[in-house]
Amino acid sequence: MIARTKLTRFDARVRTFLAHQFKNSPWSLAELTGLWETYARLGLPNEDFVAEFTNGKPSSLAQRTWELLLAQHLHDQGHELTCVGDGPDLCLEHNGVRIWIEAVCPEPKNLPADWLEGPKPNECKVGTFPHEQILLRWTTAFDAKVSKLKKYLEKGTVLPTDGYIIAINGCQLGWTPGARGITRMPFGVESVFPVGPLQYAINRETSKIEGASISLRFSIINHNNTAIPTTPFLDPAYAGVSAVFGCAADRRHGKPLAMHVVHNPLATVPVSHGLFGVDEDEWFAVPIKDAPGEFDLSHA
């Protein structure tokens, strides 16, 4: 339990920062203050969180705001949350199993400048959707948190009997970021399953489209011309990851958090479906009968 004197100090520092940072944005000030109040009331803040949240860097603010949003969302679902200073960002228990959540908000590296810059006043803007570059930021974030899982396991912070969820927020990846890629599926799905762009069957004689389907994409080429796999949830090496949370929102605007969940069919410690309040945006793979190692991708 965090000491009251320390919490009082944290609270004063955060409120001062928010009042200055959002002095011209009362809606953001009100929402972030409310998120902070919940986070503090649950006893989750520590020195590192407060220092990074208030350092004035946009990337730090985005990362820590994502943790606030997650905490509020999971608390709203009735989960009791804890935070271990040298471990993943959040922890909860369900049916006697500890489930850790490691949050990450990737920075907009190797993305076109035009995609990151919003339209000027009275300007209409048209551009190309850099879906591959965005997906690479998601896959990079995922891989980084898989590496952290290995360290947590080595230290004994996370046990092999614990669940581990990687929560990725793409809110920094464009002036109007979205959570869905070229497949029209969430980026969280595209990061861990080999789904590619839509493909169409065209009748050569009539030139008419006779069907559409999702193509297979087992990797994506990064800026170093290296193939990055998009198949972690079909690879037993990633069995320590229970699921992925995905989101592209930096505010809730008074609504439930728009988030998707992608379950790992090979997880050593799977997490229950319907546990995280995402309604119809929960994705899972169902084994195909008489086809070992193959799955059909579906969602609730």
Protein backbone atom coordinates (compact mmCIF):
# COMPACT_ATOMS: atom_id res chain seq x y z
CA MET A 1 0.00 0.00 0.00
CA ILE A 2 1.37 3.40 -0.96
CA ALA A 3 2.04 5.78 1.95
CA ARG A 4 -0.48 8.61 2.27
CA THR A 5 2.26 11.27 2.42
CA LYS A 6 3.79 9.98 -0.80
CA LEU A 7 0.41 9.82 -2.52
CA THR A 8 -0.30 13.41 -1.46
CA ARG A 9 3.00 14.49 -3.00
CA PHE A 10 2.26 12.57 -6.20
CA ASP A 11 -1.21 14.08 -6.41
CA ALA A 12 0.02 17.66 -6.07
CA ARG A 13 2.68 17.15 -8.73
CA VAL A 14 0.30 15.55 -11.23
CA ARG A 15 -2.46 18.12 -10.73
CA THR A 16 0.00 20.98 -11.19
CA PHE A 17 1.30 19.42 -14.39
CA LEU A 18 -2.15 18.75 -15.82
CA ALA A 19 -3.39 22.25 -15.02
CA HIS A 20 -0.46 23.74 -16.94
CA GLN A 21 -0.36 21.21 -19.78
CA PHE A 22 -4.08 21.42 -20.57
CA LYS A 23 -4.90 24.99 -19.56
CA ASN A 24 -6.42 25.55 -23.01
CA SER A 25 -8.14 22.16 -23.22
CA PRO A 26 -10.72 21.85 -20.43
CA TRP A 27 -12.13 18.57 -21.76
CA SER A 28 -8.74 16.85 -21.72
CA LEU A 29 -7.97 18.35 -18.32
CA ALA A 30 -11.21 17.01 -16.88
CA GLU A 31 -10.78 13.53 -18.37
CA LEU A 32 -7.13 13.08 -17.41
CA THR A 33 -7.78 14.41 -13.92
CA GLY A 34 -10.56 11.85 -13.51
CA LEU A 35 -8.34 9.04 -14.81
CA TRP A 36 -5.57 10.08 -12.43
CA GLU A 37 -7.97 10.19 -9.48
CA THR A 38 -9.04 6.59 -10.13
CA TYR A 39 -5.44 5.46 -10.58
CA ALA A 40 -4.38 7.17 -7.35
CA ARG A 41 -7.38 5.89 -5.39
CA LEU A 42 -6.46 2.34 -6.41
CA GLY A 43 -2.96 2.86 -4.99
CA LEU A 44 -1.22 2.25 -8.33
CA PRO A 45 1.19 5.22 -8.77
CA ASN A 46 4.91 4.98 -8.12
CA GLU A 47 7.87 7.33 -8.52
CA ASP A 48 8.67 6.23 -12.07
CA PHE A 49 5.09 6.66 -13.26
CA VAL A 50 4.74 10.18 -11.86
CA ALA A 51 8.18 11.29 -13.09
CA GLU A 52 7.50 10.14 -16.64
CA PHE A 53 3.88 11.31 -16.73
CA THR A 54 4.90 14.84 -15.77
CA ASN A 55 8.18 15.23 -17.70
CA GLY A 56 6.53 17.19 -20.52
CA LYS A 57 7.49 14.81 -23.34
CA PRO A 58 4.57 13.91 -25.64
CA SER A 59 5.69 10.28 -25.94
CA SER A 60 5.90 9.89 -22.16
CA LEU A 61 2.49 11.47 -21.70
CA ALA A 62 0.98 9.13 -24.30
CA GLN A 63 2.55 6.05 -22.70
CA ARG A 64 1.41 6.85 -19.19
CA THR A 65 -2.02 8.02 -20.32
CA TRP A 66 -2.46 4.60 -21.93
CA GLU A 67 -1.78 3.02 -18.54
CA LEU A 68 -4.37 5.31 -16.95
CA LEU A 69 -6.93 4.37 -19.60
CA LEU A 70 -6.24 0.67 -19.11
CA ALA A 71 -6.54 0.94 -15.35
CA GLN A 72 -9.86 2.79 -15.60
CA HIS A 73 -11.23 0.32 -18.16
CA LEU A 74 -10.25 -2.78 -16.19
CA HIS A 75 -11.49 -1.24 -12.96
CA ASP A 76 -14.83 -0.55 -14.66
CA GLN A 77 -15.04 -4.27 -15.49
CA GLY A 78 -14.77 -5.08 -11.78
CA HIS A 79 -11.14 -6.20 -11.68
CA GLU A 80 -9.02 -5.49 -8.61
CA LEU A 81 -5.72 -4.08 -9.83
CA THR A 82 -2.25 -3.97 -8.34
CA CYS A 83 1.07 -2.59 -9.57
CA VAL A 84 4.55 -3.92 -8.80
CA GLY A 85 7.27 -1.30 -9.25
CA ASP A 86 9.80 -3.56 -11.00
CA GLY A 87 7.24 -5.63 -12.91
CA PRO A 88 4.63 -5.18 -15.65
CA ASP A 89 2.38 -2.15 -15.46
CA LEU A 90 -0.76 -3.78 -14.04
CA CYS A 91 -1.79 -7.06 -12.46
CA LEU A 92 -5.15 -8.67 -11.71
CA GLU A 93 -6.36 -12.10 -10.64
CA HIS A 94 -9.10 -14.25 -12.14
CA ASN A 95 -10.07 -17.68 -10.84
CA GLY A 96 -6.85 -17.84 -8.85
CA VAL A 97 -4.60 -17.00 -11.81
CA ARG A 98 -2.48 -13.87 -11.87
CA ILE A 99 -2.69 -11.94 -15.14
CA TRP A 100 -0.07 -9.30 -15.89
CA ILE A 101 -0.59 -6.47 -18.37
CA GLU A 102 2.42 -4.81 -19.98
CA ALA A 103 1.48 -1.58 -21.78
CA VAL A 104 3.27 0.11 -24.66
CA CYS A 105 2.48 3.12 -26.83
CA PRO A 106 4.87 2.99 -29.82
CA GLU A 107 6.37 6.21 -31.12
CA PRO A 108 5.81 7.24 -34.76
CA LYS A 109 9.20 6.24 -36.16
CA ASN A 110 9.70 5.61 -39.90
CA LEU A 111 6.25 6.99 -40.75
CA PRO A 112 5.70 9.59 -43.52
CA ALA A 113 5.77 13.15 -42.21
CA ASP A 114 2.65 13.99 -44.19
CA TRP A 115 0.75 11.20 -42.43
CA LEU A 116 1.70 12.58 -39.02
CA GLU A 117 0.79 16.20 -39.79
CA GLY A 118 -2.85 17.19 -39.42
CA PRO A 119 -4.67 19.43 -41.91
CA LYS A 120 -4.38 23.17 -41.57
CA PRO A 121 -7.50 25.24 -40.81
CA ASN A 122 -10.01 25.06 -43.68
CA GLU A 123 -7.83 22.51 -45.47
CA CYS A 124 -9.04 19.18 -46.85
CA LYS A 125 -6.42 16.48 -46.78
CA VAL A 126 -6.03 13.34 -48.89
CA GLY A 127 -3.18 10.90 -48.54
CA THR A 128 -1.92 7.33 -48.73
CA PHE A 129 -2.55 5.01 -45.79
CA PRO A 130 0.91 3.76 -44.69
CA HIS A 131 -0.55 0.58 -43.28
CA GLU A 132 2.65 -1.45 -43.51
CA GLN A 133 4.74 1.15 -41.68
CA ILE A 134 2.09 1.38 -38.97
CA LEU A 135 1.90 -2.39 -38.63
CA LEU A 136 5.68 -2.52 -38.23
CA ARG A 137 5.39 -0.19 -35.23
CA TRP A 138 2.89 -2.62 -33.71
CA THR A 139 5.09 -5.66 -34.37
CA THR A 140 8.13 -3.87 -32.97
CA ALA A 141 6.21 -2.94 -29.82
CA PHE A 142 5.00 -6.52 -29.46
CA ASP A 143 8.52 -7.96 -29.82
CA ALA A 144 9.90 -5.50 -27.26
CA LYS A 145 7.38 -6.63 -24.67
CA VAL A 146 8.05 -10.29 -25.43
CA SER A 147 11.69 -9.57 -24.60
CA LYS A 148 10.62 -7.97 -21.33
CA LEU A 149 8.59 -11.06 -20.48
CA LYS A 150 11.76 -13.14 -20.68
CA LYS A 151 13.44 -10.80 -18.18
CA TYR A 152 10.44 -10.86 -15.85
CA LEU A 153 10.51 -14.66 -15.92
CA GLU A 154 14.24 -14.73 -15.20
CA LYS A 155 13.76 -12.44 -12.17
CA GLY A 156 10.76 -14.41 -10.95
CA THR A 157 8.47 -11.38 -11.08
CA VAL A 158 6.24 -13.22 -13.56
CA LEU A 159 5.82 -16.97 -13.06
CA PRO A 160 5.26 -19.57 -15.79
CA THR A 161 1.81 -20.12 -14.25
CA ASP A 162 0.85 -16.45 -14.74
CA GLY A 163 -0.97 -14.94 -17.69
CA TYR A 164 0.79 -12.17 -19.61
CA ILE A 165 -0.97 -9.67 -21.88
CA ILE A 166 0.75 -7.14 -24.13
CA ALA A 167 -1.36 -3.98 -24.44
CA ILE A 168 -0.49 -1.83 -27.48
CA ASN A 169 -1.89 1.64 -28.15
CA GLY A 170 -1.27 3.18 -31.59
CA CYS A 171 -2.55 6.66 -30.77
CA GLN A 172 0.78 8.27 -31.77
CA LEU A 173 0.89 6.65 -35.21
CA GLY A 174 -0.82 9.36 -37.23
CA TRP A 175 -2.72 12.61 -36.91
CA THR A 176 -5.90 10.55 -37.17
CA PRO A 177 -4.79 7.13 -35.93
CA GLY A 178 -6.99 4.08 -36.25
CA ALA A 179 -6.96 0.59 -34.78
CA ARG A 180 -7.61 -1.25 -38.06
CA GLY A 181 -5.23 -2.08 -40.86
CA ILE A 182 -5.50 -2.85 -44.56
CA THR A 183 -7.32 -6.12 -43.81
CA ARG A 184 -10.09 -4.19 -42.02
CA MET A 185 -9.11 -6.27 -39.00
CA PRO A 186 -7.46 -4.69 -35.95
CA PHE A 187 -3.71 -4.11 -36.02
CA GLY A 188 -3.50 -6.40 -32.99
CA VAL A 189 -4.75 -9.25 -35.19
CA GLU A 190 -2.45 -8.36 -38.09
CA SER A 191 0.55 -8.34 -35.72
CA VAL A 192 0.18 -11.94 -34.54
CA PHE A 193 -1.74 -13.82 -37.25
CA PRO A 194 -0.81 -14.16 -40.97
CA VAL A 195 -3.69 -12.12 -42.37
CA GLY A 196 -3.08 -9.88 -45.37
CA PRO A 197 -4.94 -7.47 -47.63
CA LEU A 198 -8.24 -8.37 -49.25
CA GLN A 199 -7.92 -10.34 -52.48
CA TYR A 200 -10.56 -10.63 -55.20
CA ALA A 201 -11.33 -13.46 -57.61
CA ILE A 202 -12.01 -12.05 -61.09
CA ASN A 203 -13.59 -14.08 -63.87
CA ARG A 204 -11.21 -13.83 -66.84
CA GLU A 205 -14.04 -14.19 -69.34
CA THR A 206 -16.54 -11.74 -67.85
CA SER A 207 -14.09 -9.52 -65.92
CA LYS A 208 -16.54 -9.60 -63.03
CA ILE A 209 -15.57 -9.97 -59.40
CA GLU A 210 -16.83 -13.33 -58.17
CA GLY A 211 -15.56 -13.36 -54.63
CA ALA A 212 -13.32 -11.80 -52.01
CA SER A 213 -11.18 -13.21 -49.23
CA ILE A 214 -8.37 -12.33 -46.87
CA SER A 215 -4.95 -13.14 -48.30
CA LEU A 216 -2.18 -14.80 -46.30
CA ARG A 217 0.74 -12.66 -45.14
CA PHE A 218 3.37 -14.47 -43.10
CA SER A 219 5.79 -11.56 -42.82
CA ILE A 220 6.20 -7.89 -43.59
CA ILE A 221 9.37 -6.17 -44.84
CA ASN A 222 10.79 -3.42 -42.63
CA HIS A 223 12.88 -0.38 -43.63
CA ASN A 224 16.07 -2.48 -43.37
CA ASN A 225 14.64 -4.94 -45.93
CA THR A 226 14.26 -7.59 -43.22
CA ALA A 227 11.22 -9.88 -43.14
CA ILE A 228 9.37 -9.48 -39.83
CA PRO A 229 7.11 -12.46 -39.03
CA THR A 230 3.40 -11.84 -38.46
CA THR A 231 2.82 -15.31 -37.02
CA PRO A 232 3.65 -15.15 -33.28
CA PHE A 233 0.35 -16.70 -32.22
CA LEU A 234 1.01 -19.71 -34.48
CA ASP A 235 4.49 -20.18 -32.99
CA PRO A 236 4.94 -22.15 -29.73
CA ALA A 237 7.91 -19.89 -28.90
CA TYR A 238 5.36 -17.19 -27.99
CA ALA A 239 3.22 -19.41 -25.76
CA GLY A 240 4.08 -17.23 -22.76
CA VAL A 241 1.91 -14.43 -24.18
CA SER A 242 -1.75 -15.01 -23.33
CA ALA A 243 -3.27 -12.26 -25.45
CA VAL A 244 -2.85 -8.84 -27.01
CA PHE A 245 -4.89 -5.75 -26.19
CA GLY A 246 -5.08 -3.19 -28.99
CA CYS A 247 -6.30 0.39 -29.04
CA ALA A 248 -5.73 3.66 -30.89
CA ALA A 249 -7.51 6.08 -28.56
CA ASP A 250 -5.84 8.58 -26.26
CA ARG A 251 -9.13 9.65 -24.64
CA ARG A 252 -12.47 8.04 -23.79
CA HIS A 253 -14.61 11.18 -24.23
CA GLY A 254 -17.14 9.84 -21.75
CA LYS A 255 -17.55 6.51 -23.56
CA PRO A 256 -16.23 2.99 -22.88
CA LEU A 257 -12.68 2.52 -24.12
CA ALA A 258 -12.56 1.32 -27.75
CA MET A 259 -10.26 -1.68 -27.45
CA HIS A 260 -9.80 -5.11 -29.01
CA VAL A 261 -8.49 -8.36 -27.54
CA VAL A 262 -6.64 -11.04 -29.51
CA HIS A 263 -6.25 -14.43 -27.82
CA ASN A 264 -3.26 -16.72 -28.33
CA PRO A 265 -4.52 -20.24 -29.20
CA LEU A 266 -1.16 -21.71 -28.12
CA ALA A 267 -0.92 -19.84 -24.81
CA THR A 268 0.45 -21.77 -21.86
CA VAL A 269 -1.86 -19.71 -19.65
CA PRO A 270 -4.89 -18.64 -21.71
CA VAL A 271 -7.25 -15.95 -20.47
CA SER A 272 -11.02 -16.30 -20.50
CA HIS A 273 -13.11 -14.88 -23.30
CA GLY A 274 -15.40 -12.03 -22.28
CA LEU A 275 -13.21 -11.03 -19.34
CA PHE A 276 -12.25 -7.56 -20.49
CA GLY A 277 -15.45 -5.87 -21.66
CA VAL A 278 -14.73 -5.33 -25.36
CA ASP A 279 -18.10 -6.55 -26.65
CA GLU A 280 -17.76 -7.61 -30.30
CA ASP A 281 -14.04 -6.93 -30.80
CA GLU A 282 -12.58 -10.06 -29.24
CA TRP A 283 -10.60 -12.30 -31.59
CA PHE A 284 -9.63 -15.95 -31.23
CA ALA A 285 -8.48 -18.87 -33.36
CA VAL A 286 -10.43 -22.12 -33.50
CA PRO A 287 -8.54 -25.33 -34.39
CA ILE A 288 -9.63 -26.85 -37.72
CA LYS A 289 -10.82 -30.43 -37.36
CA ASP A 290 -8.53 -32.99 -38.98
CA ALA A 291 -5.95 -30.27 -39.76
CA PRO A 292 -3.34 -30.23 -36.97
CA GLY A 293 -1.74 -26.85 -36.44
CA GLU A 294 -4.30 -24.98 -38.54
CA PHE A 295 -6.88 -22.52 -37.23
CA ASP A 296 -9.89 -20.52 -38.34
CA LEU A 297 -9.81 -16.93 -37.13
CA SER A 298 -13.06 -15.69 -35.63
CA HIS A 299 -14.31 -12.95 -33.35
CA ALA A 300 -17.06 -12.45 -30.83
